[in-house]
N, C-alpha and C. Protein backbone atom coordinates (compact mmCIF):
# COMPACT_ATOMS: atom_id res chain seq x y z
N MET A 1 0.84 -1.17 0.00
CA MET A 1 0.00 0.00 0.00
C MET A 1 0.89 1.24 0.00
N ARG A 2 0.39 2.28 -0.61
CA ARG A 2 1.12 3.55 -0.68
C ARG A 2 0.18 4.68 -0.27
N GLN A 3 0.77 5.72 0.30
CA GLN A 3 -0.03 6.85 0.75
C GLN A 3 -0.40 7.74 -0.43
N LEU A 4 -1.70 7.88 -0.67
CA LEU A 4 -2.21 8.74 -1.73
C LEU A 4 -2.46 10.15 -1.20
N GLU A 5 -3.07 10.24 -0.06
CA GLU A 5 -3.35 11.49 0.63
C GLU A 5 -3.07 11.27 2.11
N GLU A 6 -3.02 12.32 2.86
CA GLU A 6 -2.80 12.21 4.31
C GLU A 6 -3.80 11.23 4.90
N GLY A 7 -3.28 10.13 5.46
CA GLY A 7 -4.13 9.13 6.11
C GLY A 7 -4.85 8.19 5.16
N LEU A 8 -4.62 8.30 3.86
CA LEU A 8 -5.30 7.43 2.89
C LEU A 8 -4.26 6.64 2.11
N TYR A 9 -4.22 5.34 2.38
CA TYR A 9 -3.29 4.44 1.72
C TYR A 9 -4.07 3.59 0.73
N VAL A 10 -3.51 3.38 -0.44
CA VAL A 10 -4.21 2.67 -1.51
C VAL A 10 -3.31 1.63 -2.15
N ARG A 11 -3.97 0.74 -2.88
CA ARG A 11 -3.31 -0.20 -3.77
C ARG A 11 -4.37 -0.66 -4.77
N PRO A 12 -3.96 -1.16 -5.92
CA PRO A 12 -4.95 -1.67 -6.87
C PRO A 12 -5.75 -2.82 -6.25
N ASP A 13 -6.99 -2.91 -6.61
CA ASP A 13 -7.88 -3.97 -6.09
C ASP A 13 -7.78 -5.20 -6.98
N ASN A 14 -6.62 -5.86 -6.92
CA ASN A 14 -6.41 -7.03 -7.76
C ASN A 14 -5.97 -8.25 -6.97
N LEU A 15 -6.10 -8.21 -5.65
CA LEU A 15 -5.68 -9.34 -4.84
C LEU A 15 -6.79 -10.37 -4.73
N ALA A 16 -6.40 -11.63 -4.67
CA ALA A 16 -7.38 -12.71 -4.51
C ALA A 16 -8.19 -12.46 -3.23
N GLY A 17 -9.48 -12.61 -3.33
CA GLY A 17 -10.35 -12.41 -2.17
C GLY A 17 -10.86 -11.00 -2.03
N GLY A 18 -10.32 -10.08 -2.82
CA GLY A 18 -10.82 -8.71 -2.83
C GLY A 18 -10.64 -8.00 -1.51
N VAL A 19 -11.47 -7.00 -1.31
CA VAL A 19 -11.33 -6.12 -0.16
C VAL A 19 -11.59 -6.86 1.16
N ALA A 20 -12.51 -7.82 1.17
CA ALA A 20 -12.81 -8.54 2.41
C ALA A 20 -11.58 -9.31 2.90
N HIS A 21 -10.92 -9.99 1.99
CA HIS A 21 -9.72 -10.75 2.36
C HIS A 21 -8.58 -9.81 2.76
N THR A 22 -8.44 -8.72 2.03
CA THR A 22 -7.40 -7.74 2.35
C THR A 22 -7.64 -7.15 3.74
N ARG A 23 -8.87 -6.84 4.04
CA ARG A 23 -9.22 -6.31 5.36
C ARG A 23 -8.80 -7.29 6.46
N GLU A 24 -9.16 -8.56 6.29
CA GLU A 24 -8.81 -9.58 7.28
C GLU A 24 -7.29 -9.69 7.45
N ARG A 25 -6.58 -9.67 6.34
CA ARG A 25 -5.11 -9.77 6.40
C ARG A 25 -4.51 -8.57 7.11
N LEU A 26 -4.98 -7.37 6.78
CA LEU A 26 -4.44 -6.17 7.43
C LEU A 26 -4.71 -6.18 8.92
N TYR A 27 -5.91 -6.53 9.31
CA TYR A 27 -6.24 -6.59 10.74
C TYR A 27 -5.39 -7.68 11.41
N GLY A 28 -5.21 -8.78 10.74
CA GLY A 28 -4.38 -9.86 11.28
C GLY A 28 -2.92 -9.47 11.43
N LEU A 29 -2.46 -8.51 10.62
CA LEU A 29 -1.09 -8.04 10.70
C LEU A 29 -0.91 -6.92 11.73
N GLY A 30 -2.02 -6.53 12.37
CA GLY A 30 -1.92 -5.54 13.42
C GLY A 30 -2.49 -4.18 13.12
N VAL A 31 -3.05 -3.99 11.94
CA VAL A 31 -3.73 -2.72 11.67
C VAL A 31 -4.95 -2.65 12.59
N GLU A 32 -5.17 -1.48 13.16
CA GLU A 32 -6.29 -1.32 14.10
C GLU A 32 -7.61 -1.73 13.44
N ASN A 33 -8.43 -2.44 14.19
CA ASN A 33 -9.71 -2.88 13.66
C ASN A 33 -10.64 -1.72 13.32
N SER A 34 -10.36 -0.54 13.86
CA SER A 34 -11.18 0.63 13.54
C SER A 34 -10.76 1.28 12.23
N ALA A 35 -9.63 0.85 11.66
CA ALA A 35 -9.17 1.44 10.39
C ALA A 35 -10.09 0.98 9.27
N PRO A 36 -10.65 1.92 8.53
CA PRO A 36 -11.53 1.52 7.42
C PRO A 36 -10.72 0.93 6.25
N VAL A 37 -11.21 -0.15 5.71
CA VAL A 37 -10.63 -0.77 4.52
C VAL A 37 -11.76 -0.92 3.53
N PHE A 38 -11.62 -0.30 2.37
CA PHE A 38 -12.74 -0.25 1.42
C PHE A 38 -12.22 -0.12 0.00
N THR A 39 -13.11 -0.29 -0.96
CA THR A 39 -12.79 -0.13 -2.37
C THR A 39 -13.16 1.28 -2.80
N VAL A 40 -12.23 1.93 -3.50
CA VAL A 40 -12.47 3.26 -4.03
C VAL A 40 -12.57 3.15 -5.54
N ARG A 41 -13.56 3.82 -6.10
CA ARG A 41 -13.71 3.81 -7.56
C ARG A 41 -13.93 5.24 -8.04
N ASP A 42 -13.70 5.43 -9.30
CA ASP A 42 -14.02 6.71 -9.95
C ASP A 42 -13.28 7.91 -9.37
N PHE A 43 -11.95 7.76 -9.24
CA PHE A 43 -11.14 8.92 -8.89
C PHE A 43 -11.31 9.99 -9.95
N ASP A 44 -11.14 11.26 -9.57
CA ASP A 44 -11.07 12.29 -10.59
C ASP A 44 -9.72 12.13 -11.30
N ALA A 45 -9.55 12.84 -12.39
CA ALA A 45 -8.35 12.66 -13.22
C ALA A 45 -7.07 12.92 -12.44
N GLY A 46 -7.08 13.91 -11.57
CA GLY A 46 -5.87 14.24 -10.80
C GLY A 46 -5.49 13.14 -9.83
N LEU A 47 -6.46 12.63 -9.08
CA LEU A 47 -6.17 11.55 -8.13
C LEU A 47 -5.82 10.26 -8.85
N GLU A 48 -6.48 10.01 -9.97
CA GLU A 48 -6.16 8.81 -10.77
C GLU A 48 -4.71 8.84 -11.20
N SER A 49 -4.26 9.98 -11.71
CA SER A 49 -2.88 10.12 -12.15
C SER A 49 -1.92 9.98 -10.97
N LYS A 50 -2.27 10.60 -9.85
CA LYS A 50 -1.43 10.52 -8.66
C LYS A 50 -1.33 9.08 -8.16
N ALA A 51 -2.45 8.38 -8.15
CA ALA A 51 -2.47 6.98 -7.70
C ALA A 51 -1.60 6.10 -8.60
N ARG A 52 -1.71 6.27 -9.89
CA ARG A 52 -0.90 5.47 -10.82
C ARG A 52 0.59 5.76 -10.66
N GLY A 53 0.92 6.96 -10.22
CA GLY A 53 2.31 7.35 -10.05
C GLY A 53 2.94 6.88 -8.75
N LEU A 54 2.17 6.22 -7.91
CA LEU A 54 2.71 5.77 -6.63
C LEU A 54 3.71 4.63 -6.77
N TRP A 55 3.63 3.89 -7.88
CA TRP A 55 4.55 2.78 -8.13
C TRP A 55 5.24 3.03 -9.45
N ASN A 56 6.48 2.61 -9.54
CA ASN A 56 7.23 2.73 -10.77
C ASN A 56 7.16 1.39 -11.50
N GLY A 57 6.12 1.23 -12.29
CA GLY A 57 5.90 -0.02 -13.00
C GLY A 57 7.02 -0.37 -13.96
N LYS A 58 7.60 0.64 -14.61
CA LYS A 58 8.70 0.38 -15.55
C LYS A 58 9.89 -0.22 -14.82
N GLU A 59 10.19 0.30 -13.63
CA GLU A 59 11.31 -0.24 -12.84
C GLU A 59 11.01 -1.66 -12.35
N LEU A 60 9.77 -1.90 -11.97
CA LEU A 60 9.40 -3.26 -11.54
C LEU A 60 9.59 -4.25 -12.67
N VAL A 61 9.11 -3.90 -13.87
CA VAL A 61 9.25 -4.79 -15.03
C VAL A 61 10.72 -4.97 -15.38
N LYS A 62 11.48 -3.90 -15.33
CA LYS A 62 12.93 -3.99 -15.57
C LYS A 62 13.56 -4.96 -14.58
N GLY A 63 13.15 -4.89 -13.32
CA GLY A 63 13.66 -5.80 -12.30
C GLY A 63 13.29 -7.24 -12.57
N TYR A 64 12.04 -7.49 -13.01
CA TYR A 64 11.63 -8.85 -13.34
C TYR A 64 12.53 -9.42 -14.43
N ARG A 65 12.74 -8.62 -15.46
CA ARG A 65 13.51 -9.08 -16.62
C ARG A 65 14.97 -9.31 -16.26
N GLU A 66 15.56 -8.36 -15.54
CA GLU A 66 16.98 -8.50 -15.16
C GLU A 66 17.19 -9.69 -14.23
N SER A 67 16.32 -9.83 -13.25
CA SER A 67 16.48 -10.94 -12.30
C SER A 67 16.26 -12.28 -13.00
N ARG A 68 15.31 -12.34 -13.89
CA ARG A 68 15.09 -13.58 -14.65
C ARG A 68 16.32 -13.93 -15.46
N ARG A 69 16.91 -12.93 -16.11
CA ARG A 69 18.12 -13.16 -16.91
C ARG A 69 19.26 -13.67 -16.03
N LEU A 70 19.44 -13.08 -14.85
CA LEU A 70 20.49 -13.53 -13.93
C LEU A 70 20.27 -14.97 -13.49
N LEU A 71 19.02 -15.33 -13.19
CA LEU A 71 18.71 -16.69 -12.78
C LEU A 71 18.98 -17.68 -13.91
N GLU A 72 18.57 -17.32 -15.12
CA GLU A 72 18.80 -18.20 -16.26
C GLU A 72 20.30 -18.39 -16.51
N LYS A 73 21.06 -17.29 -16.44
CA LYS A 73 22.50 -17.36 -16.65
C LYS A 73 23.17 -18.23 -15.58
N SER A 74 22.77 -18.03 -14.35
CA SER A 74 23.33 -18.84 -13.26
C SER A 74 22.95 -20.30 -13.41
N ASN A 75 21.71 -20.56 -13.72
CA ASN A 75 21.21 -21.92 -13.85
C ASN A 75 21.98 -22.68 -14.93
N ALA A 76 22.35 -21.98 -15.99
CA ALA A 76 23.07 -22.61 -17.09
C ALA A 76 24.48 -23.06 -16.70
N LYS A 77 25.05 -22.44 -15.66
CA LYS A 77 26.43 -22.78 -15.30
C LYS A 77 26.56 -23.52 -13.98
N LEU A 78 25.50 -23.65 -13.20
CA LEU A 78 25.61 -24.25 -11.88
C LEU A 78 26.18 -25.66 -11.92
N ASP A 79 25.80 -26.45 -12.91
CA ASP A 79 26.30 -27.83 -13.00
C ASP A 79 27.78 -27.90 -13.30
N THR A 80 28.36 -26.81 -13.79
CA THR A 80 29.79 -26.81 -14.12
C THR A 80 30.65 -26.38 -12.93
N LEU A 81 30.03 -25.88 -11.88
CA LEU A 81 30.76 -25.39 -10.71
C LEU A 81 30.97 -26.50 -9.69
N PRO A 82 32.03 -26.41 -8.89
CA PRO A 82 32.15 -27.32 -7.75
C PRO A 82 30.92 -27.15 -6.86
N VAL A 83 30.48 -28.22 -6.23
CA VAL A 83 29.22 -28.20 -5.51
C VAL A 83 29.20 -27.12 -4.43
N GLU A 84 30.35 -26.84 -3.80
CA GLU A 84 30.39 -25.80 -2.75
C GLU A 84 30.07 -24.42 -3.34
N LEU A 85 30.67 -24.12 -4.49
CA LEU A 85 30.42 -22.83 -5.14
C LEU A 85 29.00 -22.75 -5.70
N ALA A 86 28.53 -23.87 -6.25
CA ALA A 86 27.17 -23.90 -6.78
C ALA A 86 26.16 -23.68 -5.66
N ALA A 87 26.38 -24.31 -4.50
CA ALA A 87 25.48 -24.15 -3.36
C ALA A 87 25.46 -22.69 -2.89
N LYS A 88 26.63 -22.09 -2.83
CA LYS A 88 26.71 -20.69 -2.39
C LYS A 88 25.98 -19.77 -3.37
N GLU A 89 26.23 -19.94 -4.66
CA GLU A 89 25.58 -19.09 -5.66
C GLU A 89 24.07 -19.29 -5.66
N ALA A 90 23.65 -20.54 -5.60
CA ALA A 90 22.21 -20.83 -5.59
C ALA A 90 21.54 -20.21 -4.37
N TYR A 91 22.22 -20.28 -3.25
CA TYR A 91 21.65 -19.70 -2.02
C TYR A 91 21.53 -18.18 -2.14
N LEU A 92 22.62 -17.53 -2.52
CA LEU A 92 22.63 -16.07 -2.56
C LEU A 92 21.68 -15.50 -3.62
N LEU A 93 21.76 -16.04 -4.82
CA LEU A 93 20.91 -15.53 -5.90
C LEU A 93 19.45 -15.93 -5.68
N GLY A 94 19.24 -17.16 -5.21
CA GLY A 94 17.88 -17.60 -4.93
C GLY A 94 17.23 -16.79 -3.83
N ASP A 95 17.98 -16.48 -2.78
CA ASP A 95 17.47 -15.66 -1.68
C ASP A 95 17.05 -14.28 -2.19
N GLN A 96 17.89 -13.70 -3.02
CA GLN A 96 17.60 -12.37 -3.58
C GLN A 96 16.32 -12.42 -4.42
N ALA A 97 16.17 -13.44 -5.25
CA ALA A 97 15.00 -13.55 -6.12
C ALA A 97 13.72 -13.80 -5.32
N ILE A 98 13.81 -14.64 -4.31
CA ILE A 98 12.63 -14.92 -3.48
C ILE A 98 12.23 -13.66 -2.73
N ARG A 99 13.20 -12.92 -2.23
CA ARG A 99 12.91 -11.66 -1.54
C ARG A 99 12.20 -10.69 -2.49
N GLN A 100 12.67 -10.63 -3.73
CA GLN A 100 12.04 -9.75 -4.72
C GLN A 100 10.59 -10.14 -4.94
N LEU A 101 10.31 -11.43 -5.02
CA LEU A 101 8.93 -11.89 -5.19
C LEU A 101 8.07 -11.59 -3.96
N VAL A 102 8.61 -11.85 -2.78
CA VAL A 102 7.84 -11.63 -1.55
C VAL A 102 7.44 -10.18 -1.40
N PHE A 103 8.32 -9.26 -1.75
CA PHE A 103 8.04 -7.84 -1.57
C PHE A 103 7.48 -7.16 -2.82
N ASP A 104 7.18 -7.94 -3.84
CA ASP A 104 6.59 -7.37 -5.04
C ASP A 104 5.18 -6.86 -4.71
N PRO A 105 4.83 -5.67 -5.20
CA PRO A 105 3.49 -5.14 -4.90
C PRO A 105 2.36 -5.82 -5.66
N PHE A 106 2.67 -6.74 -6.56
CA PHE A 106 1.68 -7.51 -7.30
C PHE A 106 0.67 -6.59 -7.99
N LEU A 107 1.20 -5.70 -8.81
CA LEU A 107 0.36 -4.74 -9.52
C LEU A 107 -0.25 -5.37 -10.76
N PRO A 108 -1.42 -4.89 -11.16
CA PRO A 108 -2.07 -5.41 -12.37
C PRO A 108 -1.62 -4.64 -13.61
N GLU A 109 -2.03 -5.15 -14.78
CA GLU A 109 -1.92 -4.38 -16.01
C GLU A 109 -2.84 -3.17 -15.83
N PRO A 110 -2.55 -2.05 -16.34
CA PRO A 110 -1.43 -1.65 -17.17
C PRO A 110 -0.26 -1.09 -16.37
N LEU A 111 -0.31 -1.20 -15.03
CA LEU A 111 0.78 -0.65 -14.23
C LEU A 111 2.09 -1.41 -14.43
N VAL A 112 2.01 -2.71 -14.65
CA VAL A 112 3.17 -3.54 -14.99
C VAL A 112 2.76 -4.51 -16.09
N THR A 113 3.76 -5.12 -16.70
CA THR A 113 3.50 -6.19 -17.66
C THR A 113 3.44 -7.49 -16.86
N VAL A 114 2.23 -7.96 -16.62
CA VAL A 114 2.04 -9.13 -15.76
C VAL A 114 2.76 -10.35 -16.32
N ALA A 115 2.84 -10.49 -17.62
CA ALA A 115 3.54 -11.64 -18.22
C ALA A 115 5.00 -11.68 -17.78
N ASP A 116 5.63 -10.53 -17.62
CA ASP A 116 7.02 -10.50 -17.16
C ASP A 116 7.12 -10.96 -15.70
N ARG A 117 6.16 -10.56 -14.86
CA ARG A 117 6.17 -11.01 -13.47
C ARG A 117 5.95 -12.52 -13.40
N VAL A 118 5.03 -13.02 -14.19
CA VAL A 118 4.73 -14.45 -14.20
C VAL A 118 5.96 -15.24 -14.68
N ALA A 119 6.61 -14.77 -15.73
CA ALA A 119 7.80 -15.45 -16.24
C ALA A 119 8.92 -15.43 -15.19
N PHE A 120 9.08 -14.32 -14.50
CA PHE A 120 10.08 -14.23 -13.44
C PHE A 120 9.75 -15.22 -12.32
N GLY A 121 8.49 -15.26 -11.91
CA GLY A 121 8.07 -16.19 -10.86
C GLY A 121 8.32 -17.64 -11.24
N SER A 122 8.06 -17.97 -12.48
CA SER A 122 8.30 -19.34 -12.96
C SER A 122 9.79 -19.67 -12.92
N GLU A 123 10.60 -18.70 -13.31
CA GLU A 123 12.05 -18.92 -13.28
C GLU A 123 12.56 -19.06 -11.85
N VAL A 124 11.99 -18.32 -10.92
CA VAL A 124 12.37 -18.44 -9.51
C VAL A 124 12.05 -19.85 -9.01
N ARG A 125 10.89 -20.37 -9.37
CA ARG A 125 10.52 -21.73 -8.95
C ARG A 125 11.47 -22.77 -9.54
N ARG A 126 11.84 -22.62 -10.82
CA ARG A 126 12.79 -23.55 -11.45
C ARG A 126 14.14 -23.46 -10.74
N TYR A 127 14.59 -22.26 -10.50
CA TYR A 127 15.88 -22.05 -9.85
C TYR A 127 15.87 -22.63 -8.44
N ASP A 128 14.78 -22.47 -7.74
CA ASP A 128 14.66 -23.01 -6.39
C ASP A 128 14.77 -24.54 -6.41
N GLU A 129 14.15 -25.18 -7.39
CA GLU A 129 14.24 -26.64 -7.50
C GLU A 129 15.69 -27.07 -7.74
N VAL A 130 16.37 -26.38 -8.65
CA VAL A 130 17.77 -26.70 -8.93
C VAL A 130 18.61 -26.46 -7.68
N GLY A 131 18.37 -25.34 -7.00
CA GLY A 131 19.11 -25.02 -5.79
C GLY A 131 18.92 -26.07 -4.70
N ARG A 132 17.71 -26.55 -4.54
CA ARG A 132 17.45 -27.60 -3.55
C ARG A 132 18.24 -28.86 -3.86
N SER A 133 18.28 -29.21 -5.14
CA SER A 133 19.03 -30.39 -5.57
C SER A 133 20.52 -30.22 -5.28
N ILE A 134 21.03 -29.04 -5.57
CA ILE A 134 22.45 -28.77 -5.30
C ILE A 134 22.73 -28.86 -3.81
N TRP A 135 21.86 -28.28 -3.00
CA TRP A 135 22.07 -28.32 -1.55
C TRP A 135 21.97 -29.74 -1.00
N GLN A 136 21.12 -30.57 -1.58
CA GLN A 136 21.06 -31.97 -1.15
C GLN A 136 22.37 -32.67 -1.44
N ARG A 137 22.95 -32.41 -2.62
CA ARG A 137 24.25 -33.00 -2.97
C ARG A 137 25.35 -32.46 -2.05
N PHE A 138 25.32 -31.17 -1.79
CA PHE A 138 26.32 -30.56 -0.92
C PHE A 138 26.25 -31.15 0.49
N LEU A 139 25.06 -31.27 1.04
CA LEU A 139 24.92 -31.81 2.40
C LEU A 139 25.26 -33.29 2.46
N ALA A 140 24.91 -34.04 1.41
CA ALA A 140 25.25 -35.46 1.36
C ALA A 140 26.76 -35.67 1.32
N ALA A 141 27.46 -34.79 0.59
CA ALA A 141 28.91 -34.90 0.48
C ALA A 141 29.60 -34.60 1.82
N ARG A 142 28.97 -33.82 2.64
CA ARG A 142 29.55 -33.44 3.94
C ARG A 142 29.20 -34.44 5.02
N GLY A 143 28.16 -35.25 4.75
CA GLY A 143 27.60 -36.14 5.76
C GLY A 143 28.44 -37.28 6.11
């Protein structure tokens, strides 16, 4: 969520479960139960523009693409590395990618290119599987 006006925080209404689920999650995370959580529609042109400007969609998409490229490049060479180096790289790069996904604002079109986020998420899952396999080999070799 981002602050649109003093005391008014917003985000696109594109989360699974809609406003009811979002309300429950926010209250569960410690937001005061008296805090109103609702859907806003039909902003005037000025507020609409301001709301869209709260996130830098171009930078988010650039991040999806760059991180996906890094994961693909790493994945292509992991099998050629000694298991200790492969485990380290998989851990560090995988951690960074998972963190990026966890903190992604999950914006809808047209704020971001959703296909790029989906492709990045798929690559993170593939990389995680490879990383788990490498770590199993690394731990078995030490055992």
